[in-house]
Amino acid sequence: MASGDLQTVDREELRVQSDLLVFLLLRGRTGPTSFQEVEREMAHEFHGPYEVDDVRRALRDLTHAGLLHHLPGNFVVPTVAAFHMSMLSV
């Protein structure tokens, strides 16, 4: 397989995606409904800086990859609803 066939994801994107998955498992069901709240709470939980655009991109990528469908129950409803509403306003 040629190297151009693989989609490259940098370490920072992977970190935000993995932190977001953990965050959704911990707080998704009763969690925040805006990306600003997600950004603040993730920064508090994981002691790292997060940009709203990075959180949006991570949620979009995880949604498109189908990973969020494998989370138990309705863990991601508030955050995913906020994501879809933000996409409508673009």
N, C-alpha and C. Protein backbone atom coordinates (compact mmCIF):
# COMPACT_ATOMS: atom_id res chain seq x y z
N MET A 1 0.85 -1.17 0.00
CA MET A 1 0.00 0.00 0.00
C MET A 1 0.90 1.23 0.00
N ALA A 2 0.62 2.13 -0.88
CA ALA A 2 1.42 3.36 -0.96
C ALA A 2 1.13 4.25 0.23
N SER A 3 2.14 5.03 0.60
CA SER A 3 1.97 5.90 1.77
C SER A 3 0.86 6.93 1.56
N GLY A 4 0.59 7.29 0.33
CA GLY A 4 -0.47 8.25 0.04
C GLY A 4 -1.86 7.69 0.26
N ASP A 5 -1.96 6.36 0.41
CA ASP A 5 -3.27 5.74 0.62
C ASP A 5 -3.78 5.90 2.04
N LEU A 6 -2.90 6.18 2.96
CA LEU A 6 -3.30 6.30 4.36
C LEU A 6 -3.57 7.75 4.71
N GLN A 7 -4.64 7.97 5.43
CA GLN A 7 -4.93 9.32 5.91
C GLN A 7 -4.09 9.54 7.16
N THR A 8 -3.32 10.60 7.15
CA THR A 8 -2.47 10.87 8.30
C THR A 8 -3.18 11.77 9.29
N VAL A 9 -3.05 11.43 10.55
CA VAL A 9 -3.62 12.21 11.64
C VAL A 9 -2.47 12.53 12.58
N ASP A 10 -2.30 13.80 12.91
CA ASP A 10 -1.18 14.13 13.78
C ASP A 10 -1.50 13.78 15.24
N ARG A 11 -0.46 13.79 16.04
CA ARG A 11 -0.60 13.41 17.45
C ARG A 11 -1.60 14.27 18.20
N GLU A 12 -1.60 15.55 17.92
CA GLU A 12 -2.52 16.45 18.61
C GLU A 12 -3.97 16.09 18.31
N GLU A 13 -4.27 15.80 17.05
CA GLU A 13 -5.63 15.41 16.68
C GLU A 13 -6.03 14.12 17.39
N LEU A 14 -5.12 13.16 17.44
CA LEU A 14 -5.40 11.89 18.13
C LEU A 14 -5.63 12.12 19.62
N ARG A 15 -4.84 13.01 20.22
CA ARG A 15 -5.00 13.30 21.64
C ARG A 15 -6.37 13.90 21.92
N VAL A 16 -6.77 14.87 21.10
CA VAL A 16 -8.07 15.50 21.30
C VAL A 16 -9.19 14.48 21.09
N GLN A 17 -9.07 13.64 20.06
CA GLN A 17 -10.09 12.62 19.80
C GLN A 17 -10.21 11.64 20.95
N SER A 18 -9.07 11.15 21.44
CA SER A 18 -9.12 10.17 22.54
C SER A 18 -9.64 10.82 23.82
N ASP A 19 -9.21 12.04 24.11
CA ASP A 19 -9.72 12.74 25.29
C ASP A 19 -11.22 12.99 25.17
N LEU A 20 -11.67 13.32 23.96
CA LEU A 20 -13.09 13.56 23.75
C LEU A 20 -13.90 12.29 23.96
N LEU A 21 -13.40 11.16 23.47
CA LEU A 21 -14.11 9.89 23.69
C LEU A 21 -14.24 9.58 25.17
N VAL A 22 -13.15 9.74 25.91
CA VAL A 22 -13.19 9.49 27.35
C VAL A 22 -14.15 10.47 28.02
N PHE A 23 -14.07 11.73 27.62
CA PHE A 23 -14.96 12.75 28.18
C PHE A 23 -16.43 12.40 27.95
N LEU A 24 -16.75 11.96 26.73
CA LEU A 24 -18.13 11.61 26.41
C LEU A 24 -18.61 10.43 27.24
N LEU A 25 -17.72 9.48 27.48
CA LEU A 25 -18.09 8.34 28.32
C LEU A 25 -18.34 8.77 29.76
N LEU A 26 -17.55 9.74 30.22
CA LEU A 26 -17.68 10.20 31.60
C LEU A 26 -18.84 11.18 31.79
N ARG A 27 -19.04 12.06 30.82
CA ARG A 27 -19.95 13.19 31.02
C ARG A 27 -20.98 13.38 29.93
N GLY A 28 -20.97 12.57 28.90
CA GLY A 28 -21.81 12.83 27.74
C GLY A 28 -23.29 12.85 28.01
N ARG A 29 -23.76 11.98 28.87
CA ARG A 29 -25.21 11.87 29.08
C ARG A 29 -25.77 13.11 29.78
N THR A 30 -25.06 13.60 30.78
CA THR A 30 -25.54 14.76 31.52
C THR A 30 -24.65 15.97 31.26
N GLY A 31 -23.81 15.83 30.28
CA GLY A 31 -22.77 16.82 30.06
C GLY A 31 -23.22 18.08 29.37
N PRO A 32 -22.26 18.89 29.01
CA PRO A 32 -22.51 20.20 28.42
C PRO A 32 -23.16 20.08 27.05
N THR A 33 -23.81 21.15 26.66
CA THR A 33 -24.48 21.16 25.37
C THR A 33 -23.90 22.20 24.42
N SER A 34 -22.77 22.79 24.77
CA SER A 34 -22.11 23.70 23.85
C SER A 34 -20.63 23.35 23.80
N PHE A 35 -20.00 23.70 22.69
CA PHE A 35 -18.59 23.36 22.55
C PHE A 35 -17.72 24.16 23.51
N GLN A 36 -18.15 25.36 23.87
CA GLN A 36 -17.39 26.14 24.84
C GLN A 36 -17.38 25.41 26.18
N GLU A 37 -18.53 24.84 26.57
CA GLU A 37 -18.59 24.08 27.82
C GLU A 37 -17.75 22.82 27.73
N VAL A 38 -17.81 22.13 26.60
CA VAL A 38 -16.99 20.92 26.42
C VAL A 38 -15.52 21.27 26.53
N GLU A 39 -15.12 22.34 25.86
CA GLU A 39 -13.73 22.79 25.89
C GLU A 39 -13.29 23.06 27.32
N ARG A 40 -14.09 23.80 28.08
CA ARG A 40 -13.74 24.13 29.47
C ARG A 40 -13.66 22.89 30.34
N GLU A 41 -14.66 22.02 30.23
CA GLU A 41 -14.69 20.83 31.08
C GLU A 41 -13.60 19.84 30.71
N MET A 42 -13.29 19.72 29.41
CA MET A 42 -12.19 18.84 29.01
C MET A 42 -10.87 19.38 29.54
N ALA A 43 -10.69 20.69 29.46
CA ALA A 43 -9.45 21.29 29.97
C ALA A 43 -9.31 21.04 31.46
N HIS A 44 -10.42 21.12 32.19
CA HIS A 44 -10.39 20.86 33.63
C HIS A 44 -10.11 19.39 33.91
N GLU A 45 -10.77 18.50 33.18
CA GLU A 45 -10.65 17.06 33.40
C GLU A 45 -9.27 16.52 33.03
N PHE A 46 -8.73 16.98 31.90
CA PHE A 46 -7.49 16.42 31.37
C PHE A 46 -6.30 17.36 31.51
N HIS A 47 -6.50 18.52 32.09
CA HIS A 47 -5.42 19.49 32.34
C HIS A 47 -4.67 19.83 31.05
N GLY A 48 -5.42 20.09 30.01
CA GLY A 48 -4.79 20.46 28.75
C GLY A 48 -5.57 21.54 28.05
N PRO A 49 -4.91 22.28 27.18
CA PRO A 49 -5.62 23.30 26.41
C PRO A 49 -6.37 22.67 25.24
N TYR A 50 -7.59 23.10 25.04
CA TYR A 50 -8.39 22.63 23.91
C TYR A 50 -9.01 23.84 23.25
N GLU A 51 -9.01 23.84 21.94
CA GLU A 51 -9.66 24.88 21.18
C GLU A 51 -11.03 24.37 20.74
N VAL A 52 -12.01 25.25 20.68
CA VAL A 52 -13.35 24.86 20.28
C VAL A 52 -13.32 24.19 18.90
N ASP A 53 -12.55 24.75 17.97
CA ASP A 53 -12.48 24.16 16.63
C ASP A 53 -11.89 22.75 16.66
N ASP A 54 -10.93 22.51 17.56
CA ASP A 54 -10.35 21.17 17.68
C ASP A 54 -11.38 20.17 18.20
N VAL A 55 -12.20 20.62 19.17
CA VAL A 55 -13.25 19.76 19.71
C VAL A 55 -14.28 19.46 18.63
N ARG A 56 -14.68 20.47 17.87
CA ARG A 56 -15.63 20.27 16.77
C ARG A 56 -15.08 19.27 15.75
N ARG A 57 -13.82 19.47 15.37
CA ARG A 57 -13.19 18.60 14.38
C ARG A 57 -13.12 17.16 14.89
N ALA A 58 -12.75 17.00 16.16
CA ALA A 58 -12.65 15.66 16.75
C ALA A 58 -14.02 14.98 16.77
N LEU A 59 -15.05 15.73 17.16
CA LEU A 59 -16.39 15.15 17.20
C LEU A 59 -16.87 14.80 15.79
N ARG A 60 -16.58 15.66 14.83
CA ARG A 60 -16.94 15.37 13.44
C ARG A 60 -16.24 14.11 12.95
N ASP A 61 -14.93 14.01 13.21
CA ASP A 61 -14.17 12.85 12.75
C ASP A 61 -14.65 11.56 13.42
N LEU A 62 -14.92 11.62 14.72
CA LEU A 62 -15.40 10.43 15.42
C LEU A 62 -16.80 10.03 14.94
N THR A 63 -17.62 11.03 14.64
CA THR A 63 -18.97 10.75 14.12
C THR A 63 -18.88 10.10 12.75
N HIS A 64 -18.05 10.67 11.87
CA HIS A 64 -17.92 10.12 10.52
C HIS A 64 -17.29 8.74 10.53
N ALA A 65 -16.43 8.46 11.50
CA ALA A 65 -15.80 7.14 11.61
C ALA A 65 -16.75 6.11 12.20
N GLY A 66 -17.90 6.55 12.71
CA GLY A 66 -18.88 5.64 13.28
C GLY A 66 -18.57 5.21 14.70
N LEU A 67 -17.58 5.81 15.33
CA LEU A 67 -17.18 5.39 16.67
C LEU A 67 -18.21 5.74 17.74
N LEU A 68 -18.92 6.83 17.55
CA LEU A 68 -19.87 7.25 18.57
C LEU A 68 -21.08 6.32 18.66
N HIS A 69 -21.35 5.60 17.59
CA HIS A 69 -22.48 4.67 17.59
C HIS A 69 -22.23 3.47 18.50
N HIS A 70 -20.97 3.25 18.85
CA HIS A 70 -20.62 2.09 19.68
C HIS A 70 -20.61 2.41 21.17
N LEU A 71 -20.83 3.66 21.52
CA LEU A 71 -20.88 4.01 22.94
C LEU A 71 -22.20 3.53 23.52
N PRO A 72 -22.19 3.07 24.77
CA PRO A 72 -23.42 2.53 25.35
C PRO A 72 -24.47 3.61 25.63
N GLY A 73 -25.72 3.23 25.46
CA GLY A 73 -26.82 4.11 25.82
C GLY A 73 -26.83 5.41 25.04
N ASN A 74 -27.28 6.44 25.70
CA ASN A 74 -27.36 7.77 25.09
C ASN A 74 -26.28 8.68 25.63
N PHE A 75 -25.08 8.17 25.76
CA PHE A 75 -24.02 8.94 26.39
C PHE A 75 -23.71 10.25 25.69
N VAL A 76 -23.88 10.30 24.39
CA VAL A 76 -23.40 11.47 23.66
C VAL A 76 -24.51 12.39 23.18
N VAL A 77 -25.73 12.17 23.60
CA VAL A 77 -26.84 12.93 23.05
C VAL A 77 -26.68 14.45 23.19
N PRO A 78 -26.42 15.01 24.38
CA PRO A 78 -26.33 16.47 24.47
C PRO A 78 -25.20 17.05 23.61
N THR A 79 -24.03 16.43 23.64
CA THR A 79 -22.89 16.97 22.92
C THR A 79 -23.07 16.82 21.42
N VAL A 80 -23.57 15.67 20.98
CA VAL A 80 -23.79 15.47 19.55
C VAL A 80 -24.90 16.39 19.04
N ALA A 81 -25.92 16.61 19.84
CA ALA A 81 -26.97 17.56 19.45
C ALA A 81 -26.39 18.95 19.26
N ALA A 82 -25.50 19.36 20.15
CA ALA A 82 -24.84 20.66 20.02
C ALA A 82 -24.01 20.71 18.74
N PHE A 83 -23.35 19.60 18.43
CA PHE A 83 -22.54 19.52 17.21
C PHE A 83 -23.42 19.71 15.98
N HIS A 84 -24.54 19.01 15.92
CA HIS A 84 -25.41 19.11 14.75
C HIS A 84 -26.02 20.51 14.64
N MET A 85 -26.36 21.12 15.75
CA MET A 85 -26.89 22.48 15.71
C MET A 85 -25.83 23.46 15.22
N SER A 86 -24.58 23.25 15.62
CA SER A 86 -23.52 24.15 15.18
C SER A 86 -23.27 24.00 13.68
N MET A 87 -23.45 22.79 13.15
CA MET A 87 -23.27 22.58 11.72
C MET A 87 -24.38 23.27 10.93
N LEU A 88 -25.57 23.35 11.50
CA LEU A 88 -26.67 24.02 10.82
C LEU A 88 -26.45 25.53 10.74
N SER A 89 -25.71 26.06 11.70
CA SER A 89 -25.51 27.51 11.75
C SER A 89 -24.33 27.97 10.92
N VAL A 90 -23.60 27.04 10.32
CA VAL A 90 -22.42 27.40 9.52
C VAL A 90 -22.85 27.94 8.18
